[in-house]
C-alpha atoms as a PDB file:
ATOM      1  CA  MET A   1      16.037 -24.700  -8.345  1.00  0.00           C
ATOM      2  CA  LYS A   2      18.136 -21.674  -9.168  1.00  0.00           C
ATOM      3  CA  ILE A   3      18.366 -19.246  -6.240  1.00  0.00           C
ATOM      4  CA  THR A   4      19.566 -15.606  -6.521  1.00  0.00           C
ATOM      5  CA  ARG A   5      20.083 -13.509  -3.416  1.00  0.00           C
ATOM      6  CA  GLU A   6      20.653  -9.803  -3.394  1.00  0.00           C
ATOM      7  CA  PHE A   7      20.368  -6.792  -1.110  1.00  0.00           C
ATOM      8  CA  ALA A   8      17.915  -4.098  -2.370  1.00  0.00           C
ATOM      9  CA  PRO A   9      16.797  -1.742   0.411  1.00  0.00           C
ATOM     10  CA  ALA A  10      13.156  -0.946  -0.017  1.00  0.00           C
ATOM     11  CA  ASP A  11       9.832  -1.825   1.592  1.00  0.00           C
ATOM     12  CA  ARG A  12       7.499  -4.439   0.257  1.00  0.00           C
ATOM     13  CA  TYR A  13       5.222  -1.926  -1.424  1.00  0.00           C
ATOM     14  CA  LEU A  14       7.836  -1.247  -4.102  1.00  0.00           C
ATOM     15  CA  TYR A  15       7.291  -4.872  -5.127  1.00  0.00           C
ATOM     16  CA  ASP A  16       3.545  -4.920  -4.547  1.00  0.00           C
ATOM     17  CA  PHE A  17       2.946  -2.149  -6.984  1.00  0.00           C
ATOM     18  CA  GLY A  18       5.913  -2.690  -9.246  1.00  0.00           C
ATOM     19  CA  LEU A  19       8.106  -5.672 -10.102  1.00  0.00           C
ATOM     20  CA  CYS A  20       5.803  -8.204  -8.371  1.00  0.00           C
ATOM     21  CA  SER A  21       2.389  -6.692  -9.140  1.00  0.00           C
ATOM     22  CA  ASN A  22      -0.528  -8.694 -10.362  1.00  0.00           C
ATOM     23  CA  GLU A  23      -0.277  -6.899 -13.618  1.00  0.00           C
ATOM     24  CA  ASN A  24       3.221  -8.304 -14.090  1.00  0.00           C
ATOM     25  CA  GLY A  25       1.940 -11.855 -13.472  1.00  0.00           C
ATOM     26  CA  TRP A  26       2.725 -12.146  -9.781  1.00  0.00           C
ATOM     27  CA  ALA A  27       0.445 -13.227  -6.875  1.00  0.00           C
ATOM     28  CA  GLN A  28       1.052 -12.402  -3.230  1.00  0.00           C
ATOM     29  CA  VAL A  29       1.757 -15.391  -1.000  1.00  0.00           C
ATOM     30  CA  ASP A  30       0.201 -14.252   2.253  1.00  0.00           C
ATOM     31  CA  THR A  31       1.236 -15.357   5.713  1.00  0.00           C
ATOM     32  CA  ALA A  32       0.836 -14.035   9.233  1.00  0.00           C
ATOM     33  CA  GLN A  33       4.395 -12.689   9.130  1.00  0.00           C
ATOM     34  CA  ASP A  34       3.704 -10.218   6.255  1.00  0.00           C
ATOM     35  CA  ALA A  35       4.745  -6.661   7.111  1.00  0.00           C
ATOM     36  CA  SER A  36       6.047  -3.539   5.381  1.00  0.00           C
ATOM     37  CA  TYR A  37       9.497  -5.135   5.496  1.00  0.00           C
ATOM     38  CA  PHE A  38       8.523  -8.653   4.498  1.00  0.00           C
ATOM     39  CA  GLY A  39       6.631 -10.269   1.613  1.00  0.00           C
ATOM     40  CA  THR A  40       6.527 -13.154  -0.766  1.00  0.00           C
ATOM     41  CA  TRP A  41       5.209 -13.312  -4.319  1.00  0.00           C
ATOM     42  CA  ALA A  42       4.814 -16.157  -6.903  1.00  0.00           C
ATOM     43  CA  ASN A  43       4.621 -16.100 -10.646  1.00  0.00           C
ATOM     44  CA  PRO A  44       2.936 -19.292 -11.958  1.00  0.00           C
ATOM     45  CA  THR A  45       3.855 -18.590 -15.595  1.00  0.00           C
ATOM     46  CA  ARG A  46       7.512 -17.881 -15.053  1.00  0.00           C
ATOM     47  CA  LEU A  47       7.673 -20.452 -12.161  1.00  0.00           C
ATOM     48  CA  MET A  48       9.368 -17.943  -9.893  1.00  0.00           C
ATOM     49  CA  ILE A  49       9.042 -17.107  -6.211  1.00  0.00           C
ATOM     50  CA  PHE A  50      10.387 -13.844  -4.914  1.00  0.00           C
ATOM     51  CA  SER A  51      10.726 -12.728  -1.296  1.00  0.00           C
ATOM     52  CA  ASP A  52      11.894  -9.583   0.383  1.00  0.00           C
ATOM     53  CA  CYS A  53      12.858  -9.333   4.079  1.00  0.00           C
ATOM     54  CA  GLY A  54      14.197  -5.958   5.048  1.00  0.00           C
ATOM     55  CA  GLY A  55      16.002  -5.572   1.714  1.00  0.00           C
ATOM     56  CA  ASP A  56      17.394  -9.129   1.622  1.00  0.00           C
ATOM     57  CA  THR A  57      15.785 -10.495  -1.561  1.00  0.00           C
ATOM     58  CA  THR A  58      15.612 -14.054  -2.739  1.00  0.00           C
ATOM     59  CA  LEU A  59      14.526 -15.134  -6.226  1.00  0.00           C
ATOM     60  CA  LYS A  60      13.827 -18.797  -6.692  1.00  0.00           C
ATOM     61  CA  GLU A  61      13.465 -20.031 -10.290  1.00  0.00           C
ATOM     62  CA  ALA A  62      11.971 -23.495 -10.549  1.00  0.00           C
ATOM     63  CA  ALA A  63      13.036 -25.887 -13.274  1.00  0.00           C
ATOM     64  CA  SER A  64       9.553 -27.407 -13.609  1.00  0.00           C
ATOM     65  CA  PRO A  65       5.930 -26.789 -12.624  1.00  0.00           C
ATOM     66  CA  GLU A  66       6.284 -29.646 -10.096  1.00  0.00           C
ATOM     67  CA  GLU A  67       9.298 -28.046  -8.439  1.00  0.00           C
ATOM     68  CA  PHE A  68       7.494 -24.651  -8.293  1.00  0.00           C
ATOM     69  CA  ALA A  69       4.406 -26.163  -6.685  1.00  0.00           C
ATOM     70  CA  ALA A  70       6.546 -28.157  -4.255  1.00  0.00           C
ATOM     71  CA  GLU A  71       8.368 -25.025  -3.113  1.00  0.00           C
ATOM     72  CA  LEU A  72       5.096 -23.240  -2.472  1.00  0.00           C
ATOM     73  CA  ARG A  73       4.002 -26.268  -0.371  1.00  0.00           C
ATOM     74  CA  ASN A  74       7.334 -26.050   1.531  1.00  0.00           C
ATOM     75  CA  ILE A  75       6.660 -22.377   2.259  1.00  0.00           C
ATOM     76  CA  ASP A  76       3.266 -23.369   3.644  1.00  0.00           C
ATOM     77  CA  THR A  77       4.676 -26.120   5.739  1.00  0.00           C
ATOM     78  CA  TRP A  78       7.393 -23.935   7.158  1.00  0.00           C
ATOM     79  CA  ASN A  79       4.993 -21.149   8.010  1.00  0.00           C
ATOM     80  CA  ARG A  80       2.598 -23.557   9.705  1.00  0.00           C
ATOM     81  CA  ALA A  81       5.414 -25.101  11.741  1.00  0.00           C
ATOM     82  CA  HIS A  82       6.610 -21.652  12.927  1.00  0.00           C
ATOM     83  CA  GLY A  83       3.222 -20.214  13.720  1.00  0.00           C
ATOM     84  CA  TYR A  84       2.872 -18.050  10.598  1.00  0.00           C
ATOM     85  CA  GLY A  85       0.715 -20.292   8.533  1.00  0.00           C
ATOM     86  CA  PRO A  86      -1.132 -21.242   6.604  1.00  0.00           C
ATOM     87  CA  ALA A  87       0.372 -19.596   3.512  1.00  0.00           C
ATOM     88  CA  ARG A  88      -2.302 -18.558   1.091  1.00  0.00           C
ATOM     89  CA  ILE A  89      -1.937 -17.427  -2.514  1.00  0.00           C
ATOM     90  CA  ASP A  90      -3.928 -14.306  -3.608  1.00  0.00           C
ATOM     91  CA  PRO A  91      -4.474 -14.368  -7.344  1.00  0.00           C
ATOM     92  CA  GLY A  92      -6.495 -11.110  -7.151  1.00  0.00           C
ATOM     93  CA  TYR A  93      -9.537 -10.948  -9.357  1.00  0.00           C
ATOM     94  CA  ASP A  94      -7.580 -12.364 -12.301  1.00  0.00           C
ATOM     95  CA  PRO A  95      -9.323 -15.546 -13.622  1.00  0.00           C
ATOM     96  CA  ALA A  96      -6.244 -16.531 -15.700  1.00  0.00           C
ATOM     97  CA  MET A  97      -3.945 -16.181 -12.613  1.00  0.00           C
ATOM     98  CA  LYS A  98      -6.346 -18.324 -10.541  1.00  0.00           C
ATOM     99  CA  ALA A  99      -6.534 -20.900 -13.316  1.00  0.00           C
ATOM    100  CA  ALA A 100      -2.739 -21.057 -13.580  1.00  0.00           C
ATOM    101  CA  PHE A 101      -2.408 -21.947  -9.936  1.00  0.00           C
ATOM    102  CA  GLU A 102      -5.337 -24.441 -10.178  1.00  0.00           C
ATOM    103  CA  GLY A 103      -3.475 -26.072 -13.090  1.00  0.00           C
ATOM    104  CA  LEU A 104      -0.554 -26.568 -10.716  1.00  0.00           C
ATOM    105  CA  ALA A 105      -2.776 -28.421  -8.273  1.00  0.00           C
ATOM    106  CA  LEU A 106      -2.579 -25.541  -5.763  1.00  0.00           C
ATOM    107  CA  SER A 107      -6.305 -24.797  -5.495  1.00  0.00           C
ATOM    108  CA  ASP A 108      -6.298 -25.478  -1.740  1.00  0.00           C
ATOM    109  CA  MET A 109      -3.757 -22.692  -1.217  1.00  0.00           C
ATOM    110  CA  LEU A 110      -5.770 -19.993  -3.007  1.00  0.00           C
ATOM    111  CA  HIS A 111      -7.719 -17.312  -1.131  1.00  0.00           C
END
């Protein structure tokens, strides 16, 4: 998995309504630790996971659908182990987005 880390000071709402919006193919990955300074998003078409924590951003680019799904499962496992789980994916009201996650065998993680 390719991982790119950068610093981009902003709050999560810049990503919610911009780069990582549902309109751009991203779904929120919800956990109990979500806040104005923290968020995670997943793009099932581009096989990418993006997170922002106080301006520290991480972009993970999976080499395969299996690697992408496994990383989302790892996020769920970590959040459960640290009291922030479960992690749930919110595809919004987009049937194609929901179907994309279902096609990756992640139905149980959808809201």
